[in-house]
Amino acid sequence: MGKKTLEPITESMYYVLMCLHNRNMYGTEIAECVRKLTDDRVKLGPGTLYSILSTFETESVISKISKEGRRITYAITDKGETLYQNELQRLRKCLWDAQRDLSFEESDSRVSTEDVKGTAGELSTI
């Protein structure tokens, strides 16, 4: 059985979905959105960005909604929104596990169960 193209999605893919989750964008807007969201930690070069967009379009995660010259505007599809929400939930669970693991390992209990629940509650509003 072959590997599924979108499993797991990469960090760059996730941020592209996050940007399109908020509004329709064209390529350079997406790259700028990712750069700003991550405080320059993640920078998408044109090759990476357009490879992701091509894969997403092939997999019906995004669709082209307009084209003006070379500027193509993309929108997230229902499939893309589901992919984004599933990845967001997976990341929340990872953070929950990490926080909980820290609270078990620290004998002085600097991270309490209430702290972890509070963090999980805050994350659920993202």
Protein backbone atom coordinates (compact mmCIF):
# COMPACT_ATOMS: atom_id res chain seq x y z
CA MET A 1 0.00 0.00 0.00
CA GLY A 2 1.43 3.41 -0.99
CA LYS A 3 1.94 6.33 1.33
CA LYS A 4 -0.93 8.80 1.46
CA THR A 5 0.15 12.18 0.10
CA LEU A 6 -1.26 14.19 2.99
CA GLU A 7 -0.31 11.99 5.93
CA PRO A 8 1.26 13.38 7.93
CA ILE A 9 1.10 16.94 6.79
CA THR A 10 4.24 18.99 7.25
CA GLU A 11 4.59 22.11 9.34
CA SER A 12 4.68 24.20 6.16
CA MET A 13 1.51 22.53 4.89
CA TYR A 14 -0.22 23.21 8.19
CA TYR A 15 0.60 26.92 8.07
CA VAL A 16 -0.61 27.19 4.47
CA LEU A 17 -3.91 25.67 5.59
CA MET A 18 -4.04 28.00 8.58
CA CYS A 19 -3.67 31.04 6.35
CA LEU A 20 -6.32 29.84 3.91
CA HIS A 21 -8.61 28.90 6.80
CA ASN A 22 -8.81 32.61 7.61
CA ARG A 23 -9.35 33.95 4.08
CA ASN A 24 -8.71 33.38 0.39
CA MET A 25 -5.17 34.34 -0.68
CA TYR A 26 -2.75 34.24 -3.55
CA GLY A 27 0.71 32.69 -3.29
CA THR A 28 2.80 35.61 -2.09
CA GLU A 29 0.11 36.53 0.45
CA ILE A 30 0.26 32.99 1.82
CA ALA A 31 4.06 33.13 2.14
CA GLU A 32 3.82 36.48 3.95
CA CYS A 33 1.04 35.21 6.21
CA VAL A 34 3.15 32.18 7.24
CA ARG A 35 6.19 34.37 7.83
CA LYS A 36 4.20 36.74 10.07
CA LEU A 37 2.36 33.97 11.94
CA THR A 38 5.64 32.30 12.84
CA ASP A 39 7.67 35.45 13.51
CA ASP A 40 10.00 34.51 10.62
CA ARG A 41 10.59 30.99 11.97
CA VAL A 42 8.98 29.39 8.91
CA LYS A 43 9.78 30.89 5.54
CA LEU A 44 8.27 29.38 2.43
CA GLY A 45 10.35 29.73 -0.69
CA PRO A 46 8.52 29.71 -4.02
CA GLY A 47 9.47 26.09 -4.78
CA THR A 48 8.14 24.79 -1.47
CA LEU A 49 5.02 26.95 -1.53
CA TYR A 50 3.98 26.11 -5.07
CA SER A 51 4.74 22.42 -4.52
CA ILE A 52 2.39 22.47 -1.52
CA LEU A 53 -0.27 24.38 -3.46
CA SER A 54 -0.01 21.93 -6.35
CA THR A 55 -0.34 18.93 -4.03
CA PHE A 56 -3.25 20.54 -2.22
CA GLU A 57 -5.00 21.31 -5.49
CA THR A 58 -4.46 17.76 -6.80
CA GLU A 59 -5.87 16.38 -3.54
CA SER A 60 -8.84 18.82 -3.62
CA VAL A 61 -7.71 20.47 -0.38
CA ILE A 62 -7.75 23.89 -2.04
CA SER A 63 -9.20 25.29 -5.24
CA LYS A 64 -8.29 28.13 -7.53
CA ILE A 65 -11.02 30.75 -7.35
CA SER A 66 -9.63 33.50 -9.58
CA LYS A 67 -6.72 34.34 -11.80
CA GLU A 68 -5.50 37.82 -12.69
CA GLY A 69 -2.41 37.58 -14.86
CA ARG A 70 0.00 35.37 -12.92
CA ARG A 71 -1.80 35.96 -9.61
CA ILE A 72 -3.95 32.98 -8.67
CA THR A 73 -6.20 33.21 -5.62
CA TYR A 74 -6.79 30.02 -3.64
CA ALA A 75 -9.59 28.99 -1.28
CA ILE A 76 -9.70 26.13 1.19
CA THR A 77 -12.24 23.43 0.36
CA ASP A 78 -14.39 21.45 2.80
CA LYS A 79 -11.82 18.65 2.57
CA GLY A 80 -9.08 21.15 3.33
CA GLU A 81 -10.98 22.56 6.30
CA THR A 82 -11.42 19.04 7.67
CA LEU A 83 -7.70 18.36 7.19
CA TYR A 84 -6.86 21.63 8.98
CA GLN A 85 -9.22 20.93 11.90
CA ASN A 86 -7.95 17.34 12.28
CA GLU A 87 -4.34 18.53 12.36
CA LEU A 88 -5.20 21.28 14.83
CA GLN A 89 -6.82 18.70 17.10
CA ARG A 90 -3.80 16.38 16.76
CA LEU A 91 -1.45 19.21 17.73
CA ARG A 92 -3.60 20.11 20.73
CA LYS A 93 -3.41 16.49 21.88
CA CYS A 94 0.38 16.51 21.43
CA LEU A 95 0.67 19.63 23.55
CA TRP A 96 -1.68 18.14 26.16
CA ASP A 97 0.46 14.98 26.31
CA ALA A 98 3.66 17.02 26.63
CA GLN A 99 2.22 19.17 29.39
CA ARG A 100 0.87 16.13 31.22
CA ASP A 101 4.18 14.29 30.83
CA LEU A 102 6.03 17.23 32.34
CA SER A 103 3.68 17.31 35.31
CA PHE A 104 4.24 13.60 36.00
CA GLU A 105 8.02 13.86 35.80
CA GLU A 106 8.48 16.97 37.92
CA SER A 107 8.48 15.99 41.55
CA ASP A 108 7.93 19.54 42.74
CA SER A 109 4.72 19.67 40.63
CA ARG A 110 5.47 23.00 38.96
CA VAL A 111 2.99 22.00 36.26
CA SER A 112 -0.29 20.95 37.82
CA THR A 113 -3.25 19.19 36.31
CA GLU A 114 -5.11 22.51 36.54
CA ASP A 115 -2.34 24.20 34.52
CA VAL A 116 -2.66 21.55 31.83
CA LYS A 117 -6.45 21.81 31.79
CA GLY A 118 -6.17 25.58 31.55
CA THR A 119 -3.78 25.31 28.63
CA ALA A 120 -6.02 22.78 26.90
CA GLY A 121 -8.98 25.11 27.44
CA GLU A 122 -7.07 28.02 25.95
CA LEU A 123 -6.03 25.91 22.97
CA SER A 124 -9.60 24.88 22.28
CA THR A 125 -10.45 28.50 21.56
CA ILE A 126 -7.82 28.81 18.83
